[in-house]
PDB file of N, CA and C in Angstrom:
ATOM      1  N   MET A   1     -13.946   5.678   5.952  1.00  0.00           N
ATOM      2  CA  MET A   1     -13.451   4.853   7.035  1.00  0.00           C
ATOM      3  C   MET A   1     -14.203   3.577   7.135  1.00  0.00           C
ATOM      4  N   GLU A   2     -15.523   3.624   6.934  1.00  0.00           N
ATOM      5  CA  GLU A   2     -16.235   2.389   7.036  1.00  0.00           C
ATOM      6  C   GLU A   2     -15.943   1.448   5.886  1.00  0.00           C
ATOM      7  N   ASN A   3     -15.476   1.930   4.815  1.00  0.00           N
ATOM      8  CA  ASN A   3     -15.062   1.085   3.678  1.00  0.00           C
ATOM      9  C   ASN A   3     -13.796   0.203   4.047  1.00  0.00           C
ATOM     10  N   ILE A   4     -12.907   0.940   4.798  1.00  0.00           N
ATOM     11  CA  ILE A   4     -11.713   0.202   5.190  1.00  0.00           C
ATOM     12  C   ILE A   4     -12.011  -0.849   6.188  1.00  0.00           C
ATOM     13  N   ILE A   5     -12.925  -0.612   7.142  1.00  0.00           N
ATOM     14  CA  ILE A   5     -13.290  -1.595   8.133  1.00  0.00           C
ATOM     15  C   ILE A   5     -13.958  -2.764   7.453  1.00  0.00           C
ATOM     16  N   ASP A   6     -14.833  -2.445   6.475  1.00  0.00           N
ATOM     17  CA  ASP A   6     -15.540  -3.459   5.721  1.00  0.00           C
ATOM     18  C   ASP A   6     -14.529  -4.316   4.988  1.00  0.00           C
ATOM     19  N   LEU A   7     -13.536  -3.785   4.369  1.00  0.00           N
ATOM     20  CA  LEU A   7     -12.471  -4.541   3.689  1.00  0.00           C
ATOM     21  C   LEU A   7     -11.762  -5.461   4.588  1.00  0.00           C
ATOM     22  N   ILE A   8     -11.359  -4.922   5.766  1.00  0.00           N
ATOM     23  CA  ILE A   8     -10.642  -5.743   6.851  1.00  0.00           C
ATOM     24  C   ILE A   8     -11.539  -6.912   7.295  1.00  0.00           C
ATOM     25  N   ALA A   9     -12.778  -6.606   7.565  1.00  0.00           N
ATOM     26  CA  ALA A   9     -13.770  -7.580   8.056  1.00  0.00           C
ATOM     27  C   ALA A   9     -14.001  -8.678   7.027  1.00  0.00           C
ATOM     28  N   THR A  10     -13.984  -8.380   5.751  1.00  0.00           N
ATOM     29  CA  THR A  10     -14.259  -9.364   4.729  1.00  0.00           C
ATOM     30  C   THR A  10     -12.977 -10.092   4.295  1.00  0.00           C
ATOM     31  N   ASP A  11     -11.929  -9.858   4.951  1.00  0.00           N
ATOM     32  CA  ASP A  11     -10.599 -10.508   4.577  1.00  0.00           C
ATOM     33  C   ASP A  11     -10.179 -10.136   3.170  1.00  0.00           C
ATOM     34  N   ALA A  12     -10.287  -8.881   2.854  1.00  0.00           N
ATOM     35  CA  ALA A  12      -9.801  -8.427   1.521  1.00  0.00           C
ATOM     36  C   ALA A  12      -8.231  -8.462   1.588  1.00  0.00           C
ATOM     37  N   SER A  13      -7.705  -8.434   0.314  1.00  0.00           N
ATOM     38  CA  SER A  13      -6.245  -8.599   0.292  1.00  0.00           C
ATOM     39  C   SER A  13      -5.593  -7.421   0.870  1.00  0.00           C
ATOM     40  N   ALA A  14      -4.334  -7.598   1.366  1.00  0.00           N
ATOM     41  CA  ALA A  14      -3.631  -6.513   2.041  1.00  0.00           C
ATOM     42  C   ALA A  14      -3.401  -5.357   1.077  1.00  0.00           C
ATOM     43  N   SER A  15      -3.072  -5.653  -0.195  1.00  0.00           N
ATOM     44  CA  SER A  15      -2.812  -4.577  -1.188  1.00  0.00           C
ATOM     45  C   SER A  15      -4.132  -3.773  -1.428  1.00  0.00           C
ATOM     46  N   GLU A  16      -5.210  -4.399  -1.383  1.00  0.00           N
ATOM     47  CA  GLU A  16      -6.515  -3.634  -1.562  1.00  0.00           C
ATOM     48  C   GLU A  16      -6.798  -2.685  -0.378  1.00  0.00           C
ATOM     49  N   VAL A  17      -6.613  -3.248   0.835  1.00  0.00           N
ATOM     50  CA  VAL A  17      -6.811  -2.466   1.949  1.00  0.00           C
ATOM     51  C   VAL A  17      -5.777  -1.249   2.024  1.00  0.00           C
ATOM     52  N   SER A  18      -4.512  -1.482   1.684  1.00  0.00           N
ATOM     53  CA  SER A  18      -3.519  -0.508   1.601  1.00  0.00           C
ATOM     54  C   SER A  18      -3.876   0.575   0.538  1.00  0.00           C
ATOM     55  N   ASP A  19      -4.278   0.179  -0.593  1.00  0.00           N
ATOM     56  CA  ASP A  19      -4.631   1.110  -1.698  1.00  0.00           C
ATOM     57  C   ASP A  19      -5.801   1.960  -1.296  1.00  0.00           C
ATOM     58  N   THR A  20      -6.748   1.361  -0.591  1.00  0.00           N
ATOM     59  CA  THR A  20      -7.961   2.171  -0.114  1.00  0.00           C
ATOM     60  C   THR A  20      -7.560   3.222   0.936  1.00  0.00           C
ATOM     61  N   ILE A  21      -6.656   2.790   1.789  1.00  0.00           N
ATOM     62  CA  ILE A  21      -6.183   3.807   2.795  1.00  0.00           C
ATOM     63  C   ILE A  21      -5.378   4.856   2.147  1.00  0.00           C
ATOM     64  N   LYS A  22      -4.588   4.548   1.217  1.00  0.00           N
ATOM     65  CA  LYS A  22      -3.735   5.633   0.540  1.00  0.00           C
ATOM     66  C   LYS A  22      -4.645   6.578  -0.290  1.00  0.00           C
ATOM     67  N   ASN A  23      -5.647   5.962  -0.938  1.00  0.00           N
ATOM     68  CA  ASN A  23      -6.609   6.834  -1.687  1.00  0.00           C
ATOM     69  C   ASN A  23      -7.353   7.777  -0.811  1.00  0.00           C
ATOM     70  N   GLN A  24      -7.806   7.309   0.342  1.00  0.00           N
ATOM     71  CA  GLN A  24      -8.603   8.157   1.259  1.00  0.00           C
ATOM     72  C   GLN A  24      -7.663   9.208   1.840  1.00  0.00           C
ATOM     73  N   LEU A  25      -6.383   8.897   2.223  1.00  0.00           N
ATOM     74  CA  LEU A  25      -5.490   9.831   2.724  1.00  0.00           C
ATOM     75  C   LEU A  25      -5.091  10.961   1.641  1.00  0.00           C
ATOM     76  N   PHE A  26      -4.896  10.504   0.397  1.00  0.00           N
ATOM     77  CA  PHE A  26      -4.655  11.486  -0.650  1.00  0.00           C
ATOM     78  C   PHE A  26      -5.802  12.390  -0.868  1.00  0.00           C
ATOM     79  N   ALA A  27      -7.050  11.872  -0.806  1.00  0.00           N
ATOM     80  CA  ALA A  27      -8.258  12.663  -0.986  1.00  0.00           C
ATOM     81  C   ALA A  27      -8.412  13.710   0.117  1.00  0.00           C
ATOM     82  N   LYS A  28      -8.188  13.253   1.337  1.00  0.00           N
ATOM     83  CA  LYS A  28      -8.232  14.160   2.493  1.00  0.00           C
ATOM     84  C   LYS A  28      -7.201  15.242   2.376  1.00  0.00           C
ATOM     85  N   ALA A  29      -5.930  14.838   2.008  1.00  0.00           N
ATOM     86  CA  ALA A  29      -4.888  15.859   1.886  1.00  0.00           C
ATOM     87  C   ALA A  29      -5.211  16.847   0.812  1.00  0.00           C
ATOM     88  N   ALA A  30      -5.712  16.401  -0.369  1.00  0.00           N
ATOM     89  CA  ALA A  30      -6.086  17.291  -1.422  1.00  0.00           C
ATOM     90  C   ALA A  30      -7.172  18.249  -1.027  1.00  0.00           C
ATOM     91  N   GLN A  31      -8.161  17.764  -0.268  1.00  0.00           N
ATOM     92  CA  GLN A  31      -9.186  18.638   0.205  1.00  0.00           C
ATOM     93  C   GLN A  31      -8.667  19.729   1.130  1.00  0.00           C
ATOM     94  N   ARG A  32      -7.748  19.356   2.030  1.00  0.00           N
ATOM     95  CA  ARG A  32      -7.189  20.417   2.940  1.00  0.00           C
ATOM     96  C   ARG A  32      -6.363  21.404   2.183  1.00  0.00           C
ATOM     97  N   VAL A  33      -5.662  20.953   1.180  1.00  0.00           N
ATOM     98  CA  VAL A  33      -4.888  21.906   0.363  1.00  0.00           C
ATOM     99  C   VAL A  33      -5.827  22.863  -0.360  1.00  0.00           C
ATOM    100  N   GLU A  34      -6.877  22.360  -0.932  1.00  0.00           N
ATOM    101  CA  GLU A  34      -7.859  23.272  -1.585  1.00  0.00           C
ATOM    102  C   GLU A  34      -8.519  24.220  -0.636  1.00  0.00           C
ATOM    103  N   MET A  35      -8.708  23.793   0.626  1.00  0.00           N
ATOM    104  CA  MET A  35      -9.382  24.670   1.576  1.00  0.00           C
ATOM    105  C   MET A  35      -8.379  25.797   1.976  1.00  0.00           C
ATOM    106  N   GLY A  36      -7.128  25.496   2.075  1.00  0.00           N
ATOM    107  CA  GLY A  36      -6.154  26.408   2.535  1.00  0.00           C
ATOM    108  C   GLY A  36      -5.525  27.264   1.469  1.00  0.00           C
ATOM    109  N   ARG A  37      -5.758  26.904   0.216  1.00  0.00           N
ATOM    110  CA  ARG A  37      -5.176  27.598  -0.967  1.00  0.00           C
ATOM    111  C   ARG A  37      -5.603  29.085  -1.048  1.00  0.00           C
ATOM    112  N   PRO A  38      -6.812  29.485  -0.863  1.00  0.00           N
ATOM    113  CA  PRO A  38      -7.214  30.904  -0.941  1.00  0.00           C
ATOM    114  C   PRO A  38      -6.494  31.703   0.145  1.00  0.00           C
ATOM    115  N   GLU A  39      -6.538  31.223   1.360  1.00  0.00           N
ATOM    116  CA  GLU A  39      -5.898  31.945   2.449  1.00  0.00           C
ATOM    117  C   GLU A  39      -4.364  32.123   2.222  1.00  0.00           C
ATOM    118  N   ALA A  40      -3.719  31.042   1.737  1.00  0.00           N
ATOM    119  CA  ALA A  40      -2.281  31.165   1.489  1.00  0.00           C
ATOM    120  C   ALA A  40      -1.966  32.120   0.360  1.00  0.00           C
ATOM    121  N   ALA A  41      -2.791  32.085  -0.725  1.00  0.00           N
ATOM    122  CA  ALA A  41      -2.587  32.967  -1.796  1.00  0.00           C
ATOM    123  C   ALA A  41      -2.777  34.397  -1.354  1.00  0.00           C
ATOM    124  N   ALA A  42      -3.814  34.666  -0.615  1.00  0.00           N
ATOM    125  CA  ALA A  42      -4.097  36.043  -0.156  1.00  0.00           C
ATOM    126  C   ALA A  42      -2.916  36.545   0.702  1.00  0.00           C
ATOM    127  N   LYS A  43      -2.408  35.674   1.594  1.00  0.00           N
ATOM    128  CA  LYS A  43      -1.263  36.175   2.355  1.00  0.00           C
ATOM    129  C   LYS A  43      -0.045  36.355   1.509  1.00  0.00           C
ATOM    130  N   LEU A  44       0.194  35.460   0.628  1.00  0.00           N
ATOM    131  CA  LEU A  44       1.363  35.567  -0.246  1.00  0.00           C
ATOM    132  C   LEU A  44       1.378  36.838  -1.030  1.00  0.00           C
ATOM    133  N   PHE A  45       0.189  37.066  -1.774  1.00  0.00           N
ATOM    134  CA  PHE A  45       0.210  38.228  -2.597  1.00  0.00           C
ATOM    135  C   PHE A  45       0.003  39.556  -1.909  1.00  0.00           C
ATOM    136  N   ALA A  46      -0.709  39.501  -0.813  1.00  0.00           N
ATOM    137  CA  ALA A  46      -0.903  40.721   0.017  1.00  0.00           C
ATOM    138  C   ALA A  46       0.397  41.200   0.575  1.00  0.00           C
ATOM    139  N   ASP A  47       1.163  40.319   1.134  1.00  0.00           N
ATOM    140  CA  ASP A  47       2.454  40.662   1.657  1.00  0.00           C
ATOM    141  C   ASP A  47       3.420  41.149   0.581  1.00  0.00           C
ATOM    142  N   THR A  48       3.434  40.518  -0.531  1.00  0.00           N
ATOM    143  CA  THR A  48       4.303  40.889  -1.614  1.00  0.00           C
ATOM    144  C   THR A  48       3.978  42.229  -2.096  1.00  0.00           C
ATOM    145  N   ASP A  49       2.743  42.627  -2.303  1.00  0.00           N
ATOM    146  CA  ASP A  49       2.411  43.963  -2.805  1.00  0.00           C
ATOM    147  C   ASP A  49       2.726  45.080  -1.814  1.00  0.00           C
ATOM    148  N   GLU A  50       2.523  44.776  -0.466  1.00  0.00           N
ATOM    149  CA  GLU A  50       2.788  45.833   0.466  1.00  0.00           C
ATOM    150  C   GLU A  50       4.301  46.036   0.581  1.00  0.00           C
ATOM    151  N   VAL A  51       5.056  44.996   0.566  1.00  0.00           N
ATOM    152  CA  VAL A  51       6.545  45.092   0.728  1.00  0.00           C
ATOM    153  C   VAL A  51       7.106  45.715  -0.479  1.00  0.00           C
ATOM    154  N   GLU A  52       6.714  45.272  -1.685  1.00  0.00           N
ATOM    155  CA  GLU A  52       7.332  45.927  -2.850  1.00  0.00           C
ATOM    156  C   GLU A  52       6.990  47.434  -2.995  1.00  0.00           C
ATOM    157  N   GLY A  53       5.693  47.746  -2.609  1.00  0.00           N
ATOM    158  CA  GLY A  53       5.322  49.121  -2.655  1.00  0.00           C
ATOM    159  C   GLY A  53       6.109  49.988  -1.631  1.00  0.00           C
ATOM    160  N   ALA A  54       6.334  49.415  -0.503  1.00  0.00           N
ATOM    161  CA  ALA A  54       7.181  50.163   0.474  1.00  0.00           C
ATOM    162  C   ALA A  54       8.604  50.379   0.050  1.00  0.00           C
ATOM    163  N   GLU A  55       9.149  49.263  -0.530  1.00  0.00           N
ATOM    164  CA  GLU A  55      10.539  49.347  -1.070  1.00  0.00           C
ATOM    165  C   GLU A  55      10.672  50.355  -2.173  1.00  0.00           C
ATOM    166  N   LEU A  56       9.724  50.411  -3.081  1.00  0.00           N
ATOM    167  CA  LEU A  56       9.753  51.380  -4.189  1.00  0.00           C
ATOM    168  C   LEU A  56       9.706  52.752  -3.749  1.00  0.00           C
ATOM    169  N   GLU A  57       8.909  53.046  -2.643  1.00  0.00           N
ATOM    170  CA  GLU A  57       8.852  54.395  -2.126  1.00  0.00           C
ATOM    171  C   GLU A  57      10.069  54.785  -1.381  1.00  0.00           C
ATOM    172  N   VAL A  58      10.727  53.842  -0.652  1.00  0.00           N
ATOM    173  CA  VAL A  58      11.828  54.185   0.204  1.00  0.00           C
ATOM    174  C   VAL A  58      13.127  54.261  -0.574  1.00  0.00           C
ATOM    175  N   GLU A  59      13.374  53.336  -1.533  1.00  0.00           N
ATOM    176  CA  GLU A  59      14.628  53.371  -2.209  1.00  0.00           C
ATOM    177  C   GLU A  59      14.986  54.598  -2.919  1.00  0.00           C
ATOM    178  N   PRO A  60      14.161  55.216  -3.656  1.00  0.00           N
ATOM    179  CA  PRO A  60      14.574  56.450  -4.404  1.00  0.00           C
ATOM    180  C   PRO A  60      14.930  57.597  -3.417  1.00  0.00           C
ATOM    181  N   ASP A  61      14.197  57.672  -2.309  1.00  0.00           N
ATOM    182  CA  ASP A  61      14.531  58.717  -1.317  1.00  0.00           C
ATOM    183  C   ASP A  61      15.909  58.445  -0.728  1.00  0.00           C
ATOM    184  N   GLN A  62      16.134  57.223  -0.428  1.00  0.00           N
ATOM    185  CA  GLN A  62      17.535  56.854   0.123  1.00  0.00           C
ATOM    186  C   GLN A  62      18.579  57.130  -0.822  1.00  0.00           C
ATOM    187  N   GLU A  63      18.458  56.838  -2.094  1.00  0.00           N
ATOM    188  CA  GLU A  63      19.389  56.989  -3.112  1.00  0.00           C
ATOM    189  C   GLU A  63      19.688  58.502  -3.287  1.00  0.00           C
ATOM    190  N   SER A  64      18.617  59.270  -3.353  1.00  0.00           N
ATOM    191  CA  SER A  64      18.786  60.722  -3.580  1.00  0.00           C
ATOM    192  C   SER A  64      19.514  61.397  -2.448  1.00  0.00           C
ATOM    193  N   GLN A  65      19.289  60.884  -1.170  1.00  0.00           N
ATOM    194  CA  GLN A  65      19.961  61.463   0.002  1.00  0.00           C
ATOM    195  C   GLN A  65      21.387  61.020  -0.021  1.00  0.00           C
ATOM    196  N   GLU A  66      21.708  59.813  -0.396  1.00  0.00           N
ATOM    197  CA  GLU A  66      23.105  59.397  -0.480  1.00  0.00           C
ATOM    198  C   GLU A  66      23.920  60.125  -1.570  1.00  0.00           C
ATOM    199  N   ASP A  67      23.219  60.463  -2.694  1.00  0.00           N
ATOM    200  CA  ASP A  67      23.834  61.192  -3.788  1.00  0.00           C
ATOM    201  C   ASP A  67      24.201  62.646  -3.295  1.00  0.00           C
ATOM    202  N   GLN A  68      23.379  63.197  -2.475  1.00  0.00           N
ATOM    203  CA  GLN A  68      23.615  64.577  -1.993  1.00  0.00           C
ATOM    204  C   GLN A  68      24.755  64.632  -1.053  1.00  0.00           C
ATOM    205  N   GLU A  69      25.041  63.633  -0.340  1.00  0.00           N
ATOM    206  CA  GLU A  69      26.143  63.610   0.662  1.00  0.00           C
ATOM    207  C   GLU A  69      27.429  63.424  -0.022  1.00  0.00           C
TER     208      GLU A  69
END
């Protein structure tokens, strides 16, 4: 942030200020994505395993009961 203020104070070109702002925003966004990635992956794969396991156990029972009727 200080770098941006320094650029503005020293009358740097608008494109240089804009590029610096964009670079810092992209860096912060990438950092947040990296911080949230493990939690999102854990939720994604944990839910998938539980749901698939439950479906596999339930479906054959339901099919066998339907066949008997």
